[in-house]
Full PDB file with SEQRES, HELIX, SHEET, SSBOND, CRYST1, ORIGX, SCALE, CONECT and MASTER records, all heavy atoms in Angstrom:
SEQRES   1 A   31  PRO ASP LYS GLN ALA ARG PHE GLU ILE ALA ALA ALA GLU          
SEQRES   2 A   31  ALA ALA LEU GLY LEU ASN ASP LEU ALA SER ALA GLU SER          
SEQRES   3 A   31  HIS LEU ARG ASP LEU                                          
HELIX    1 AA1 ASP A    2  GLY A   17  1                                  16    
HELIX    2 AA2 LEU A   21  ASP A   30  1                                  10    
CRYST1    1.000    1.000    1.000  90.00  90.00  90.00 P 1           1          
ORIGX1      1.000000  0.000000  0.000000        0.00000                         
ORIGX2      0.000000  1.000000  0.000000        0.00000                         
ORIGX3      0.000000  0.000000  1.000000        0.00000                         
SCALE1      1.000000  0.000000  0.000000        0.00000                         
SCALE2      0.000000  1.000000  0.000000        0.00000                         
SCALE3      0.000000  0.000000  1.000000        0.00000                         
ATOM      1  N   PRO A   1     -50.708 -50.821 -16.869  1.00  0.00           N  
ATOM      2  CA  PRO A   1     -51.206 -52.134 -17.024  1.00  0.00           C  
ATOM      3  C   PRO A   1     -52.775 -52.187 -17.501  1.00  0.00           C  
ATOM      4  O   PRO A   1     -53.175 -52.979 -18.302  1.00  0.00           O  
ATOM      5  CB  PRO A   1     -51.015 -52.865 -15.672  1.00  0.00           C  
ATOM      6  CG  PRO A   1     -49.847 -52.235 -15.094  1.00  0.00           C  
ATOM      7  CD  PRO A   1     -50.016 -50.782 -15.550  1.00  0.00           C  
ATOM      8  N   ASP A   2     -53.557 -51.271 -16.858  1.00  0.00           N  
ATOM      9  CA  ASP A   2     -54.992 -51.319 -17.216  1.00  0.00           C  
ATOM     10  C   ASP A   2     -55.189 -50.989 -18.666  1.00  0.00           C  
ATOM     11  O   ASP A   2     -56.108 -51.542 -19.323  1.00  0.00           O  
ATOM     12  CB  ASP A   2     -55.739 -50.464 -16.186  1.00  0.00           C  
ATOM     13  CG  ASP A   2     -55.431 -49.027 -16.312  1.00  0.00           C  
ATOM     14  OD1 ASP A   2     -54.179 -48.743 -16.576  1.00  0.00           O  
ATOM     15  OD2 ASP A   2     -56.270 -48.147 -16.215  1.00  0.00           O  
ATOM     16  N   LYS A   3     -54.373 -49.976 -19.089  1.00  0.00           N  
ATOM     17  CA  LYS A   3     -54.567 -49.640 -20.504  1.00  0.00           C  
ATOM     18  C   LYS A   3     -54.012 -50.698 -21.422  1.00  0.00           C  
ATOM     19  O   LYS A   3     -54.619 -50.952 -22.567  1.00  0.00           O  
ATOM     20  CB  LYS A   3     -53.887 -48.252 -20.737  1.00  0.00           C  
ATOM     21  CG  LYS A   3     -54.536 -47.091 -20.076  1.00  0.00           C  
ATOM     22  CD  LYS A   3     -53.906 -45.788 -20.461  1.00  0.00           C  
ATOM     23  CE  LYS A   3     -54.808 -44.478 -19.961  1.00  0.00           C  
ATOM     24  NZ  LYS A   3     -55.080 -44.558 -18.530  1.00  0.00           N  
ATOM     25  N   GLN A   4     -52.936 -51.305 -21.086  1.00  0.00           N  
ATOM     26  CA  GLN A   4     -52.335 -52.405 -21.821  1.00  0.00           C  
ATOM     27  C   GLN A   4     -53.465 -53.541 -21.993  1.00  0.00           C  
ATOM     28  O   GLN A   4     -53.689 -54.145 -23.020  1.00  0.00           O  
ATOM     29  CB  GLN A   4     -51.111 -53.016 -21.170  1.00  0.00           C  
ATOM     30  CG  GLN A   4     -49.923 -51.992 -21.196  1.00  0.00           C  
ATOM     31  CD  GLN A   4     -48.684 -52.799 -20.709  1.00  0.00           C  
ATOM     32  OE1 GLN A   4     -48.378 -53.921 -21.065  1.00  0.00           O  
ATOM     33  NE2 GLN A   4     -48.016 -52.094 -19.787  1.00  0.00           N  
ATOM     34  N   ALA A   5     -54.154 -53.811 -20.829  1.00  0.00           N  
ATOM     35  CA  ALA A   5     -55.267 -54.787 -20.899  1.00  0.00           C  
ATOM     36  C   ALA A   5     -56.288 -54.550 -21.864  1.00  0.00           C  
ATOM     37  O   ALA A   5     -56.794 -55.330 -22.578  1.00  0.00           O  
ATOM     38  CB  ALA A   5     -55.678 -55.026 -19.421  1.00  0.00           C  
ATOM     39  N   ARG A   6     -56.767 -53.268 -21.754  1.00  0.00           N  
ATOM     40  CA  ARG A   6     -57.888 -52.827 -22.663  1.00  0.00           C  
ATOM     41  C   ARG A   6     -57.336 -53.032 -24.123  1.00  0.00           C  
ATOM     42  O   ARG A   6     -58.073 -53.351 -25.068  1.00  0.00           O  
ATOM     43  CB  ARG A   6     -58.205 -51.389 -22.426  1.00  0.00           C  
ATOM     44  CG  ARG A   6     -58.943 -51.217 -21.011  1.00  0.00           C  
ATOM     45  CD  ARG A   6     -59.401 -49.766 -20.858  1.00  0.00           C  
ATOM     46  NE  ARG A   6     -60.006 -49.511 -19.642  1.00  0.00           N  
ATOM     47  CZ  ARG A   6     -60.504 -48.412 -19.171  1.00  0.00           C  
ATOM     48  NH1 ARG A   6     -60.557 -47.329 -20.091  1.00  0.00           N  
ATOM     49  NH2 ARG A   6     -61.110 -48.319 -18.037  1.00  0.00           N  
ATOM     50  N   PHE A   7     -56.113 -52.691 -24.419  1.00  0.00           N  
ATOM     51  CA  PHE A   7     -55.613 -52.746 -25.806  1.00  0.00           C  
ATOM     52  C   PHE A   7     -55.616 -54.245 -26.230  1.00  0.00           C  
ATOM     53  O   PHE A   7     -56.041 -54.638 -27.354  1.00  0.00           O  
ATOM     54  CB  PHE A   7     -54.172 -52.421 -25.926  1.00  0.00           C  
ATOM     55  CG  PHE A   7     -53.520 -52.630 -27.111  1.00  0.00           C  
ATOM     56  CD1 PHE A   7     -53.734 -51.861 -28.264  1.00  0.00           C  
ATOM     57  CD2 PHE A   7     -52.533 -53.701 -27.197  1.00  0.00           C  
ATOM     58  CE1 PHE A   7     -53.033 -52.290 -29.522  1.00  0.00           C  
ATOM     59  CE2 PHE A   7     -51.952 -54.076 -28.372  1.00  0.00           C  
ATOM     60  CZ  PHE A   7     -52.184 -53.300 -29.461  1.00  0.00           C  
ATOM     61  N   GLU A   8     -55.082 -55.184 -25.320  1.00  0.00           N  
ATOM     62  CA  GLU A   8     -55.105 -56.600 -25.710  1.00  0.00           C  
ATOM     63  C   GLU A   8     -56.454 -57.105 -25.986  1.00  0.00           C  
ATOM     64  O   GLU A   8     -56.687 -57.989 -26.899  1.00  0.00           O  
ATOM     65  CB  GLU A   8     -54.349 -57.430 -24.561  1.00  0.00           C  
ATOM     66  CG  GLU A   8     -52.932 -57.009 -24.201  1.00  0.00           C  
ATOM     67  CD  GLU A   8     -51.932 -57.238 -25.383  1.00  0.00           C  
ATOM     68  OE1 GLU A   8     -52.412 -57.875 -26.460  1.00  0.00           O  
ATOM     69  OE2 GLU A   8     -50.801 -56.806 -25.283  1.00  0.00           O  
ATOM     70  N   ILE A   9     -57.441 -56.719 -25.075  1.00  0.00           N  
ATOM     71  CA  ILE A   9     -58.862 -57.121 -25.262  1.00  0.00           C  
ATOM     72  C   ILE A   9     -59.398 -56.747 -26.657  1.00  0.00           C  
ATOM     73  O   ILE A   9     -59.981 -57.568 -27.388  1.00  0.00           O  
ATOM     74  CB  ILE A   9     -59.742 -56.595 -24.052  1.00  0.00           C  
ATOM     75  CG1 ILE A   9     -59.512 -57.417 -22.926  1.00  0.00           C  
ATOM     76  CG2 ILE A   9     -61.236 -56.724 -24.540  1.00  0.00           C  
ATOM     77  CD1 ILE A   9     -60.164 -58.826 -22.874  1.00  0.00           C  
ATOM     78  N   ALA A  10     -59.174 -55.357 -26.965  1.00  0.00           N  
ATOM     79  CA  ALA A  10     -59.695 -54.830 -28.198  1.00  0.00           C  
ATOM     80  C   ALA A  10     -59.007 -55.535 -29.320  1.00  0.00           C  
ATOM     81  O   ALA A  10     -59.703 -55.924 -30.409  1.00  0.00           O  
ATOM     82  CB  ALA A  10     -59.466 -53.405 -28.249  1.00  0.00           C  
ATOM     83  N   ALA A  11     -57.732 -55.794 -29.290  1.00  0.00           N  
ATOM     84  CA  ALA A  11     -56.962 -56.298 -30.361  1.00  0.00           C  
ATOM     85  C   ALA A  11     -57.420 -57.780 -30.594  1.00  0.00           C  
ATOM     86  O   ALA A  11     -57.479 -58.267 -31.746  1.00  0.00           O  
ATOM     87  CB  ALA A  11     -55.456 -56.335 -30.086  1.00  0.00           C  
ATOM     88  N   ALA A  12     -57.708 -58.556 -29.432  1.00  0.00           N  
ATOM     89  CA  ALA A  12     -58.102 -59.937 -29.570  1.00  0.00           C  
ATOM     90  C   ALA A  12     -59.515 -60.015 -30.284  1.00  0.00           C  
ATOM     91  O   ALA A  12     -59.808 -60.850 -31.147  1.00  0.00           O  
ATOM     92  CB  ALA A  12     -58.212 -60.546 -28.140  1.00  0.00           C  
ATOM     93  N   GLU A  13     -60.425 -59.081 -29.852  1.00  0.00           N  
ATOM     94  CA  GLU A  13     -61.735 -59.050 -30.563  1.00  0.00           C  
ATOM     95  C   GLU A  13     -61.549 -58.775 -31.968  1.00  0.00           C  
ATOM     96  O   GLU A  13     -62.300 -59.416 -32.908  1.00  0.00           O  
ATOM     97  CB  GLU A  13     -62.581 -58.016 -29.791  1.00  0.00           C  
ATOM     98  CG  GLU A  13     -63.162 -58.458 -28.483  1.00  0.00           C  
ATOM     99  CD  GLU A  13     -64.270 -57.450 -27.965  1.00  0.00           C  
ATOM    100  OE1 GLU A  13     -63.870 -56.261 -27.725  1.00  0.00           O  
ATOM    101  OE2 GLU A  13     -65.400 -57.804 -27.883  1.00  0.00           O  
ATOM    102  N   ALA A  14     -60.763 -57.820 -32.379  1.00  0.00           N  
ATOM    103  CA  ALA A  14     -60.664 -57.436 -33.701  1.00  0.00           C  
ATOM    104  C   ALA A  14     -60.012 -58.606 -34.498  1.00  0.00           C  
ATOM    105  O   ALA A  14     -60.576 -58.971 -35.655  1.00  0.00           O  
ATOM    106  CB  ALA A  14     -59.756 -56.215 -33.902  1.00  0.00           C  
ATOM    107  N   ALA A  15     -59.189 -59.304 -34.047  1.00  0.00           N  
ATOM    108  CA  ALA A  15     -58.491 -60.496 -34.669  1.00  0.00           C  
ATOM    109  C   ALA A  15     -59.526 -61.560 -34.849  1.00  0.00           C  
ATOM    110  O   ALA A  15     -59.627 -62.246 -35.879  1.00  0.00           O  
ATOM    111  CB  ALA A  15     -57.336 -60.959 -33.843  1.00  0.00           C  
ATOM    112  N   LEU A  16     -60.300 -61.844 -33.803  1.00  0.00           N  
ATOM    113  CA  LEU A  16     -61.471 -62.904 -33.958  1.00  0.00           C  
ATOM    114  C   LEU A  16     -62.378 -62.443 -35.049  1.00  0.00           C  
ATOM    115  O   LEU A  16     -62.867 -63.320 -35.830  1.00  0.00           O  
ATOM    116  CB  LEU A  16     -62.182 -63.080 -32.680  1.00  0.00           C  
ATOM    117  CG  LEU A  16     -61.443 -63.760 -31.558  1.00  0.00           C  
ATOM    118  CD1 LEU A  16     -62.125 -63.723 -30.214  1.00  0.00           C  
ATOM    119  CD2 LEU A  16     -61.170 -65.238 -31.978  1.00  0.00           C  
ATOM    120  N   GLY A  17     -62.732 -61.215 -35.091  1.00  0.00           N  
ATOM    121  CA  GLY A  17     -63.607 -60.650 -36.200  1.00  0.00           C  
ATOM    122  C   GLY A  17     -63.105 -60.977 -37.611  1.00  0.00           C  
ATOM    123  O   GLY A  17     -63.802 -61.096 -38.501  1.00  0.00           O  
ATOM    124  N   LEU A  18     -61.746 -60.946 -37.740  1.00  0.00           N  
ATOM    125  CA  LEU A  18     -61.111 -61.185 -38.975  1.00  0.00           C  
ATOM    126  C   LEU A  18     -60.681 -62.744 -39.112  1.00  0.00           C  
ATOM    127  O   LEU A  18     -60.053 -63.114 -40.131  1.00  0.00           O  
ATOM    128  CB  LEU A  18     -59.866 -60.392 -39.100  1.00  0.00           C  
ATOM    129  CG  LEU A  18     -60.141 -58.905 -39.208  1.00  0.00           C  
ATOM    130  CD1 LEU A  18     -58.760 -58.100 -39.130  1.00  0.00           C  
ATOM    131  CD2 LEU A  18     -60.860 -58.497 -40.466  1.00  0.00           C  
ATOM    132  N   ASN A  19     -61.128 -63.448 -38.143  1.00  0.00           N  
ATOM    133  CA  ASN A  19     -60.812 -64.963 -38.144  1.00  0.00           C  
ATOM    134  C   ASN A  19     -59.275 -65.199 -38.064  1.00  0.00           C  
ATOM    135  O   ASN A  19     -58.781 -66.190 -38.700  1.00  0.00           O  
ATOM    136  CB  ASN A  19     -61.429 -65.722 -39.328  1.00  0.00           C  
ATOM    137  CG  ASN A  19     -61.534 -67.207 -39.116  1.00  0.00           C  
ATOM    138  OD1 ASN A  19     -61.848 -67.604 -37.967  1.00  0.00           O  
ATOM    139  ND2 ASN A  19     -61.411 -67.996 -40.192  1.00  0.00           N  
ATOM    140  N   ASP A  20     -58.529 -64.262 -37.585  1.00  0.00           N  
ATOM    141  CA  ASP A  20     -57.080 -64.348 -37.421  1.00  0.00           C  
ATOM    142  C   ASP A  20     -56.777 -64.940 -36.017  1.00  0.00           C  
ATOM    143  O   ASP A  20     -56.587 -64.190 -35.092  1.00  0.00           O  
ATOM    144  CB  ASP A  20     -56.443 -62.993 -37.500  1.00  0.00           C  
ATOM    145  CG  ASP A  20     -54.892 -63.072 -37.352  1.00  0.00           C  
ATOM    146  OD1 ASP A  20     -54.300 -64.044 -37.221  1.00  0.00           O  
ATOM    147  OD2 ASP A  20     -54.281 -61.878 -37.554  1.00  0.00           O  
ATOM    148  N   LEU A  21     -56.973 -66.288 -36.010  1.00  0.00           N  
ATOM    149  CA  LEU A  21     -56.974 -66.923 -34.685  1.00  0.00           C  
ATOM    150  C   LEU A  21     -55.566 -66.914 -34.010  1.00  0.00           C  
ATOM    151  O   LEU A  21     -55.521 -66.850 -32.775  1.00  0.00           O  
ATOM    152  CB  LEU A  21     -57.479 -68.382 -34.874  1.00  0.00           C  
ATOM    153  CG  LEU A  21     -58.740 -68.527 -35.576  1.00  0.00           C  
ATOM    154  CD1 LEU A  21     -59.126 -70.058 -35.572  1.00  0.00           C  
ATOM    155  CD2 LEU A  21     -59.875 -67.757 -34.867  1.00  0.00           C  
ATOM    156  N   ALA A  22     -54.522 -66.896 -34.742  1.00  0.00           N  
ATOM    157  CA  ALA A  22     -53.198 -66.866 -34.142  1.00  0.00           C  
ATOM    158  C   ALA A  22     -52.933 -65.546 -33.353  1.00  0.00           C  
ATOM    159  O   ALA A  22     -52.449 -65.532 -32.256  1.00  0.00           O  
ATOM    160  CB  ALA A  22     -52.028 -67.090 -35.256  1.00  0.00           C  
ATOM    161  N   SER A  23     -53.323 -64.465 -34.092  1.00  0.00           N  
ATOM    162  CA  SER A  23     -53.137 -63.179 -33.377  1.00  0.00           C  
ATOM    163  C   SER A  23     -54.080 -63.014 -32.185  1.00  0.00           C  
ATOM    164  O   SER A  23     -53.625 -62.453 -31.171  1.00  0.00           O  
ATOM    165  CB  SER A  23     -53.464 -61.991 -34.353  1.00  0.00           C  
ATOM    166  OG  SER A  23     -52.476 -61.993 -35.436  1.00  0.00           O  
ATOM    167  N   ALA A  24     -55.268 -63.484 -32.351  1.00  0.00           N  
ATOM    168  CA  ALA A  24     -56.202 -63.398 -31.191  1.00  0.00           C  
ATOM    169  C   ALA A  24     -55.665 -64.195 -29.997  1.00  0.00           C  
ATOM    170  O   ALA A  24     -55.689 -63.727 -28.804  1.00  0.00           O  
ATOM    171  CB  ALA A  24     -57.575 -64.024 -31.547  1.00  0.00           C  
ATOM    172  N   GLU A  25     -54.999 -65.411 -30.268  1.00  0.00           N  
ATOM    173  CA  GLU A  25     -54.495 -66.200 -29.133  1.00  0.00           C  
ATOM    174  C   GLU A  25     -53.346 -65.508 -28.476  1.00  0.00           C  
ATOM    175  O   GLU A  25     -53.165 -65.366 -27.321  1.00  0.00           O  
ATOM    176  CB  GLU A  25     -54.062 -67.573 -29.674  1.00  0.00           C  
ATOM    177  CG  GLU A  25     -53.541 -68.403 -28.582  1.00  0.00           C  
ATOM    178  CD  GLU A  25     -53.230 -69.861 -28.993  1.00  0.00           C  
ATOM    179  OE1 GLU A  25     -53.541 -70.120 -30.149  1.00  0.00           O  
ATOM    180  OE2 GLU A  25     -52.742 -70.617 -28.128  1.00  0.00           O  
ATOM    181  N   SER A  26     -52.499 -64.803 -29.356  1.00  0.00           N  
ATOM    182  CA  SER A  26     -51.318 -64.120 -28.807  1.00  0.00           C  
ATOM    183  C   SER A  26     -51.748 -62.976 -27.896  1.00  0.00           C  
ATOM    184  O   SER A  26     -51.182 -62.773 -26.878  1.00  0.00           O  
ATOM    185  CB  SER A  26     -50.503 -63.547 -30.052  1.00  0.00           C  
ATOM    186  OG  SER A  26     -49.416 -62.722 -29.628  1.00  0.00           O  
ATOM    187  N   HIS A  27     -52.754 -62.224 -28.367  1.00  0.00           N  
ATOM    188  CA  HIS A  27     -53.201 -61.132 -27.523  1.00  0.00           C  
ATOM    189  C   HIS A  27     -53.770 -61.594 -26.182  1.00  0.00           C  
ATOM    190  O   HIS A  27     -53.580 -61.020 -25.143  1.00  0.00           O  
ATOM    191  CB  HIS A  27     -54.228 -60.311 -28.329  1.00  0.00           C  
ATOM    192  CG  HIS A  27     -53.715 -59.421 -29.357  1.00  0.00           C  
ATOM    193  ND1 HIS A  27     -52.802 -58.387 -29.209  1.00  0.00           N  
ATOM    194  CD2 HIS A  27     -53.874 -59.484 -30.719  1.00  0.00           C  
ATOM    195  CE1 HIS A  27     -52.466 -57.826 -30.320  1.00  0.00           C  
ATOM    196  NE2 HIS A  27     -53.060 -58.464 -31.237  1.00  0.00           N  
ATOM    197  N   LEU A  28     -54.549 -62.666 -26.346  1.00  0.00           N  
ATOM    198  CA  LEU A  28     -55.176 -63.192 -25.027  1.00  0.00           C  
ATOM    199  C   LEU A  28     -54.045 -63.698 -24.019  1.00  0.00           C  
ATOM    200  O   LEU A  28     -54.154 -63.641 -22.893  1.00  0.00           O  
ATOM    201  CB  LEU A  28     -56.183 -64.319 -25.369  1.00  0.00           C  
ATOM    202  CG  LEU A  28     -57.478 -63.823 -26.060  1.00  0.00           C  
ATOM    203  CD1 LEU A  28     -58.356 -64.994 -26.396  1.00  0.00           C  
ATOM    204  CD2 LEU A  28     -58.295 -62.890 -25.084  1.00  0.00           C  
ATOM    205  N   ARG A  29     -53.044 -64.336 -24.693  1.00  0.00           N  
ATOM    206  CA  ARG A  29     -51.990 -64.761 -23.682  1.00  0.00           C  
ATOM    207  C   ARG A  29     -51.129 -63.668 -23.090  1.00  0.00           C  
ATOM    208  O   ARG A  29     -50.829 -63.696 -21.939  1.00  0.00           O  
ATOM    209  CB  ARG A  29     -51.033 -65.700 -24.571  1.00  0.00           C  
ATOM    210  CG  ARG A  29     -51.700 -67.021 -24.884  1.00  0.00           C  
ATOM    211  CD  ARG A  29     -50.620 -68.051 -25.390  1.00  0.00           C  
ATOM    212  NE  ARG A  29     -51.327 -69.294 -25.820  1.00  0.00           N  
ATOM    213  CZ  ARG A  29     -51.795 -70.239 -25.061  1.00  0.00           C  
ATOM    214  NH1 ARG A  29     -51.642 -70.042 -23.712  1.00  0.00           N  
ATOM    215  NH2 ARG A  29     -52.373 -71.272 -25.476  1.00  0.00           N  
ATOM    216  N   ASP A  30     -50.988 -62.580 -23.927  1.00  0.00           N  
ATOM    217  CA  ASP A  30     -50.278 -61.435 -23.269  1.00  0.00           C  
ATOM    218  C   ASP A  30     -51.142 -60.838 -22.193  1.00  0.00           C  
ATOM    219  O   ASP A  30     -50.723 -60.272 -21.216  1.00  0.00           O  
ATOM    220  CB  ASP A  30     -50.001 -60.385 -24.406  1.00  0.00           C  
ATOM    221  CG  ASP A  30     -48.847 -60.901 -25.304  1.00  0.00           C  
ATOM    222  OD1 ASP A  30     -48.105 -61.708 -24.866  1.00  0.00           O  
ATOM    223  OD2 ASP A  30     -48.719 -60.266 -26.426  1.00  0.00           O  
ATOM    224  N   LEU A  31     -52.481 -60.846 -22.445  1.00  0.00           N  
ATOM    225  CA  LEU A  31     -53.433 -60.215 -21.498  1.00  0.00           C  
ATOM    226  C   LEU A  31     -53.301 -61.042 -20.151  1.00  0.00           C  
ATOM    227  O   LEU A  31     -53.381 -60.505 -19.133  1.00  0.00           O  
ATOM    228  CB  LEU A  31     -54.865 -60.376 -21.963  1.00  0.00           C  
ATOM    229  CG  LEU A  31     -56.000 -59.904 -21.050  1.00  0.00           C  
ATOM    230  CD1 LEU A  31     -55.794 -58.409 -20.720  1.00  0.00           C  
ATOM    231  CD2 LEU A  31     -57.335 -60.158 -21.685  1.00  0.00           C  
TER     232      LEU A  31                                                      
MASTER        0    0    0    2    0    0    0    6  231    1    0    3          
END                                                                             
């Protein structure tokens, strides 16, 4: 779980950087 959490955090940050808000929200909800 701790590694999954780090993945979701990193993926959400990357999505926000690309202004992909739907993906960012999905990662944050999974987190």
